[in-house]
Amino acid sequence: MGLRGVEFDWDDANVHHVERHRVAPEEAEQVIMNDPLDLGMEAMIVSAS
């Protein structure tokens, strides 16, 4: 269910936001466009604590 035809408009605030997570805008776009599978890693990390 990718988002074909969607264009991203990166303003400075959003570029800096993703950079704080050590992610480039192009990487963020790739993840969004590829409709990644959520493996629920957050739940696994919390339950392991």
PDB file of N, CA and C in Angstrom:
ATOM      1  N   MET A   1       0.827  -1.191   0.000  1.00  0.00           N
ATOM      2  CA  MET A   1       0.000   0.000   0.000  1.00  0.00           C
ATOM      3  C   MET A   1       0.869   1.252   0.000  1.00  0.00           C
ATOM      4  N   GLY A   2       1.918   1.315  -0.758  1.00  0.00           N
ATOM      5  CA  GLY A   2       2.793   2.473  -0.806  1.00  0.00           C
ATOM      6  C   GLY A   2       2.046   3.722  -1.236  1.00  0.00           C
ATOM      7  N   LEU A   3       2.692   4.855  -1.091  1.00  0.00           N
ATOM      8  CA  LEU A   3       2.083   6.144  -1.404  1.00  0.00           C
ATOM      9  C   LEU A   3       2.621   6.679  -2.714  1.00  0.00           C
ATOM     10  N   ARG A   4       2.348   6.028  -3.795  1.00  0.00           N
ATOM     11  CA  ARG A   4       2.859   6.433  -5.095  1.00  0.00           C
ATOM     12  C   ARG A   4       2.374   7.838  -5.460  1.00  0.00           C
ATOM     13  N   GLY A   5       3.270   8.623  -6.037  1.00  0.00           N
ATOM     14  CA  GLY A   5       2.912   9.953  -6.482  1.00  0.00           C
ATOM     15  C   GLY A   5       2.966  11.019  -5.402  1.00  0.00           C
ATOM     16  N   VAL A   6       3.304  10.638  -4.175  1.00  0.00           N
ATOM     17  CA  VAL A   6       3.379  11.609  -3.086  1.00  0.00           C
ATOM     18  C   VAL A   6       4.721  12.322  -3.154  1.00  0.00           C
ATOM     19  N   GLU A   7       4.686  13.631  -2.963  1.00  0.00           N
ATOM     20  CA  GLU A   7       5.922  14.414  -2.916  1.00  0.00           C
ATOM     21  C   GLU A   7       6.068  14.996  -1.520  1.00  0.00           C
ATOM     22  N   PHE A   8       7.289  15.044  -1.033  1.00  0.00           N
ATOM     23  CA  PHE A   8       7.569  15.565   0.293  1.00  0.00           C
ATOM     24  C   PHE A   8       8.134  16.971   0.178  1.00  0.00           C
ATOM     25  N   ASP A   9       7.716  17.839   1.070  1.00  0.00           N
ATOM     26  CA  ASP A   9       8.189  19.221   1.116  1.00  0.00           C
ATOM     27  C   ASP A   9       8.876  19.414   2.472  1.00  0.00           C
ATOM     28  N   TRP A  10      10.201  19.306   2.480  1.00  0.00           N
ATOM     29  CA  TRP A  10      10.967  19.346   3.717  1.00  0.00           C
ATOM     30  C   TRP A  10      11.351  20.785   4.058  1.00  0.00           C
ATOM     31  N   ASP A  11      10.736  21.335   5.121  1.00  0.00           N
ATOM     32  CA  ASP A  11      11.180  22.643   5.596  1.00  0.00           C
ATOM     33  C   ASP A  11      12.319  22.423   6.598  1.00  0.00           C
ATOM     34  N   ASP A  12      13.000  23.496   6.966  1.00  0.00           N
ATOM     35  CA  ASP A  12      14.163  23.377   7.853  1.00  0.00           C
ATOM     36  C   ASP A  12      13.824  22.703   9.177  1.00  0.00           C
ATOM     37  N   ALA A  13      12.672  23.008   9.738  1.00  0.00           N
ATOM     38  CA  ALA A  13      12.294  22.416  11.027  1.00  0.00           C
ATOM     39  C   ALA A  13      12.171  20.900  10.924  1.00  0.00           C
ATOM     40  N   ASN A  14      11.563  20.400   9.847  1.00  0.00           N
ATOM     41  CA  ASN A  14      11.404  18.951   9.695  1.00  0.00           C
ATOM     42  C   ASN A  14      12.724  18.265   9.374  1.00  0.00           C
ATOM     43  N   VAL A  15      13.579  18.924   8.599  1.00  0.00           N
ATOM     44  CA  VAL A  15      14.899  18.356   8.310  1.00  0.00           C
ATOM     45  C   VAL A  15      15.678  18.201   9.616  1.00  0.00           C
ATOM     46  N   HIS A  16      15.659  19.236  10.440  1.00  0.00           N
ATOM     47  CA  HIS A  16      16.378  19.167  11.720  1.00  0.00           C
ATOM     48  C   HIS A  16      15.759  18.130  12.653  1.00  0.00           C
ATOM     49  N   HIS A  17      14.442  17.976  12.590  1.00  0.00           N
ATOM     50  CA  HIS A  17      13.780  16.984  13.439  1.00  0.00           C
ATOM     51  C   HIS A  17      14.256  15.565  13.113  1.00  0.00           C
ATOM     52  N   VAL A  18      14.247  15.193  11.853  1.00  0.00           N
ATOM     53  CA  VAL A  18      14.676  13.829  11.511  1.00  0.00           C
ATOM     54  C   VAL A  18      16.178  13.661  11.714  1.00  0.00           C
ATOM     55  N   GLU A  19      16.959  14.739  11.533  1.00  0.00           N
ATOM     56  CA  GLU A  19      18.401  14.650  11.769  1.00  0.00           C
ATOM     57  C   GLU A  19      18.710  14.360  13.231  1.00  0.00           C
ATOM     58  N   ARG A  20      17.865  14.821  14.145  1.00  0.00           N
ATOM     59  CA  ARG A  20      18.075  14.518  15.576  1.00  0.00           C
ATOM     60  C   ARG A  20      17.985  13.025  15.837  1.00  0.00           C
ATOM     61  N   HIS A  21      17.303  12.309  14.955  1.00  0.00           N
ATOM     62  CA  HIS A  21      17.181  10.853  15.062  1.00  0.00           C
ATOM     63  C   HIS A  21      18.204  10.137  14.175  1.00  0.00           C
ATOM     64  N   ARG A  22      19.157  10.919  13.654  1.00  0.00           N
ATOM     65  CA  ARG A  22      20.202  10.396  12.756  1.00  0.00           C
ATOM     66  C   ARG A  22      19.603   9.757  11.503  1.00  0.00           C
ATOM     67  N   VAL A  23      18.587  10.427  10.960  1.00  0.00           N
ATOM     68  CA  VAL A  23      17.912   9.970   9.746  1.00  0.00           C
ATOM     69  C   VAL A  23      17.936  11.110   8.743  1.00  0.00           C
ATOM     70  N   ALA A  24      18.269  10.796   7.513  1.00  0.00           N
ATOM     71  CA  ALA A  24      18.229  11.784   6.436  1.00  0.00           C
ATOM     72  C   ALA A  24      16.802  11.863   5.895  1.00  0.00           C
ATOM     73  N   PRO A  25      16.408  13.023   5.375  1.00  0.00           N
ATOM     74  CA  PRO A  25      15.064  13.128   4.791  1.00  0.00           C
ATOM     75  C   PRO A  25      14.788  12.036   3.749  1.00  0.00           C
ATOM     76  N   GLU A  26      15.790  11.721   2.938  1.00  0.00           N
ATOM     77  CA  GLU A  26      15.604  10.686   1.912  1.00  0.00           C
ATOM     78  C   GLU A  26      15.320   9.321   2.549  1.00  0.00           C
ATOM     79  N   GLU A  27      15.959   9.044   3.674  1.00  0.00           N
ATOM     80  CA  GLU A  27      15.713   7.771   4.365  1.00  0.00           C
ATOM     81  C   GLU A  27      14.291   7.729   4.921  1.00  0.00           C
ATOM     82  N   ALA A  28      13.839   8.843   5.493  1.00  0.00           N
ATOM     83  CA  ALA A  28      12.478   8.907   6.021  1.00  0.00           C
ATOM     84  C   ALA A  28      11.459   8.694   4.897  1.00  0.00           C
ATOM     85  N   GLU A  29      11.696   9.321   3.768  1.00  0.00           N
ATOM     86  CA  GLU A  29      10.798   9.149   2.618  1.00  0.00           C
ATOM     87  C   GLU A  29      10.765   7.698   2.169  1.00  0.00           C
ATOM     88  N   GLN A  30      11.931   7.066   2.139  1.00  0.00           N
ATOM     89  CA  GLN A  30      11.996   5.672   1.697  1.00  0.00           C
ATOM     90  C   GLN A  30      11.171   4.777   2.616  1.00  0.00           C
ATOM     91  N   VAL A  31      11.266   4.995   3.908  1.00  0.00           N
ATOM     92  CA  VAL A  31      10.495   4.188   4.854  1.00  0.00           C
ATOM     93  C   VAL A  31       8.999   4.405   4.639  1.00  0.00           C
ATOM     94  N   ILE A  32       8.594   5.664   4.502  1.00  0.00           N
ATOM     95  CA  ILE A  32       7.173   5.967   4.331  1.00  0.00           C
ATOM     96  C   ILE A  32       6.651   5.395   3.014  1.00  0.00           C
ATOM     97  N   MET A  33       7.411   5.548   1.944  1.00  0.00           N
ATOM     98  CA  MET A  33       6.965   5.092   0.628  1.00  0.00           C
ATOM     99  C   MET A  33       6.940   3.570   0.504  1.00  0.00           C
ATOM    100  N   ASN A  34       7.774   2.873   1.263  1.00  0.00           N
ATOM    101  CA  ASN A  34       7.840   1.417   1.165  1.00  0.00           C
ATOM    102  C   ASN A  34       6.834   0.707   2.053  1.00  0.00           C
ATOM    103  N   ASP A  35       6.025   1.461   2.830  1.00  0.00           N
ATOM    104  CA  ASP A  35       5.011   0.859   3.683  1.00  0.00           C
ATOM    105  C   ASP A  35       5.617  -0.270   4.516  1.00  0.00           C
ATOM    106  N   PRO A  36       6.525   0.055   5.431  1.00  0.00           N
ATOM    107  CA  PRO A  36       7.243  -0.975   6.181  1.00  0.00           C
ATOM    108  C   PRO A  36       6.330  -1.785   7.097  1.00  0.00           C
ATOM    109  N   LEU A  37       6.781  -2.961   7.438  1.00  0.00           N
ATOM    110  CA  LEU A  37       6.067  -3.854   8.337  1.00  0.00           C
ATOM    111  C   LEU A  37       6.433  -3.499   9.767  1.00  0.00           C
ATOM    112  N   ASP A  38       5.453  -3.206  10.605  1.00  0.00           N
ATOM    113  CA  ASP A  38       5.684  -2.900  12.011  1.00  0.00           C
ATOM    114  C   ASP A  38       5.780  -4.211  12.778  1.00  0.00           C
ATOM    115  N   LEU A  39       6.955  -4.481  13.289  1.00  0.00           N
ATOM    116  CA  LEU A  39       7.173  -5.731  14.022  1.00  0.00           C
ATOM    117  C   LEU A  39       6.887  -5.588  15.506  1.00  0.00           C
ATOM    118  N   GLY A  40       6.439  -4.425  15.925  1.00  0.00           N
ATOM    119  CA  GLY A  40       6.109  -4.220  17.328  1.00  0.00           C
ATOM    120  C   GLY A  40       7.324  -4.248  18.238  1.00  0.00           C
ATOM    121  N   MET A  41       8.436  -3.742  17.747  1.00  0.00           N
ATOM    122  CA  MET A  41       9.678  -3.782  18.529  1.00  0.00           C
ATOM    123  C   MET A  41       9.552  -3.020  19.848  1.00  0.00           C
ATOM    124  N   GLU A  42       8.760  -1.951  19.874  1.00  0.00           N
ATOM    125  CA  GLU A  42       8.608  -1.193  21.106  1.00  0.00           C
ATOM    126  C   GLU A  42       8.021  -2.093  22.199  1.00  0.00           C
ATOM    127  N   ALA A  43       7.031  -2.865  21.856  1.00  0.00           N
ATOM    128  CA  ALA A  43       6.407  -3.768  22.833  1.00  0.00           C
ATOM    129  C   ALA A  43       7.385  -4.833  23.298  1.00  0.00           C
ATOM    130  N   MET A  44       8.217  -5.317  22.394  1.00  0.00           N
ATOM    131  CA  MET A  44       9.198  -6.345  22.762  1.00  0.00           C
ATOM    132  C   MET A  44      10.240  -5.771  23.716  1.00  0.00           C
ATOM    133  N   ILE A  45      10.661  -4.537  23.477  1.00  0.00           N
ATOM    134  CA  ILE A  45      11.673  -3.905  24.334  1.00  0.00           C
ATOM    135  C   ILE A  45      11.088  -3.642  25.707  1.00  0.00           C
ATOM    136  N   VAL A  46       9.871  -3.141  25.772  1.00  0.00           N
ATOM    137  CA  VAL A  46       9.241  -2.836  27.051  1.00  0.00           C
ATOM    138  C   VAL A  46       9.013  -4.121  27.848  1.00  0.00           C
ATOM    139  N   SER A  47       8.570  -5.183  27.203  1.00  0.00           N
ATOM    140  CA  SER A  47       8.287  -6.422  27.911  1.00  0.00           C
ATOM    141  C   SER A  47       9.563  -7.126  28.376  1.00  0.00           C
ATOM    142  N   ALA A  48      10.695  -6.823  27.741  1.00  0.00           N
ATOM    143  CA  ALA A  48      11.958  -7.448  28.133  1.00  0.00           C
ATOM    144  C   ALA A  48      12.571  -6.754  29.344  1.00  0.00           C
ATOM    145  N   SER A  49      12.110  -5.563  29.670  1.00  0.00           N
ATOM    146  CA  SER A  49      12.686  -4.792  30.793  1.00  0.00           C
ATOM    147  C   SER A  49      12.244  -5.318  32.125  1.00  0.00           C
TER     148      SER A  49
END
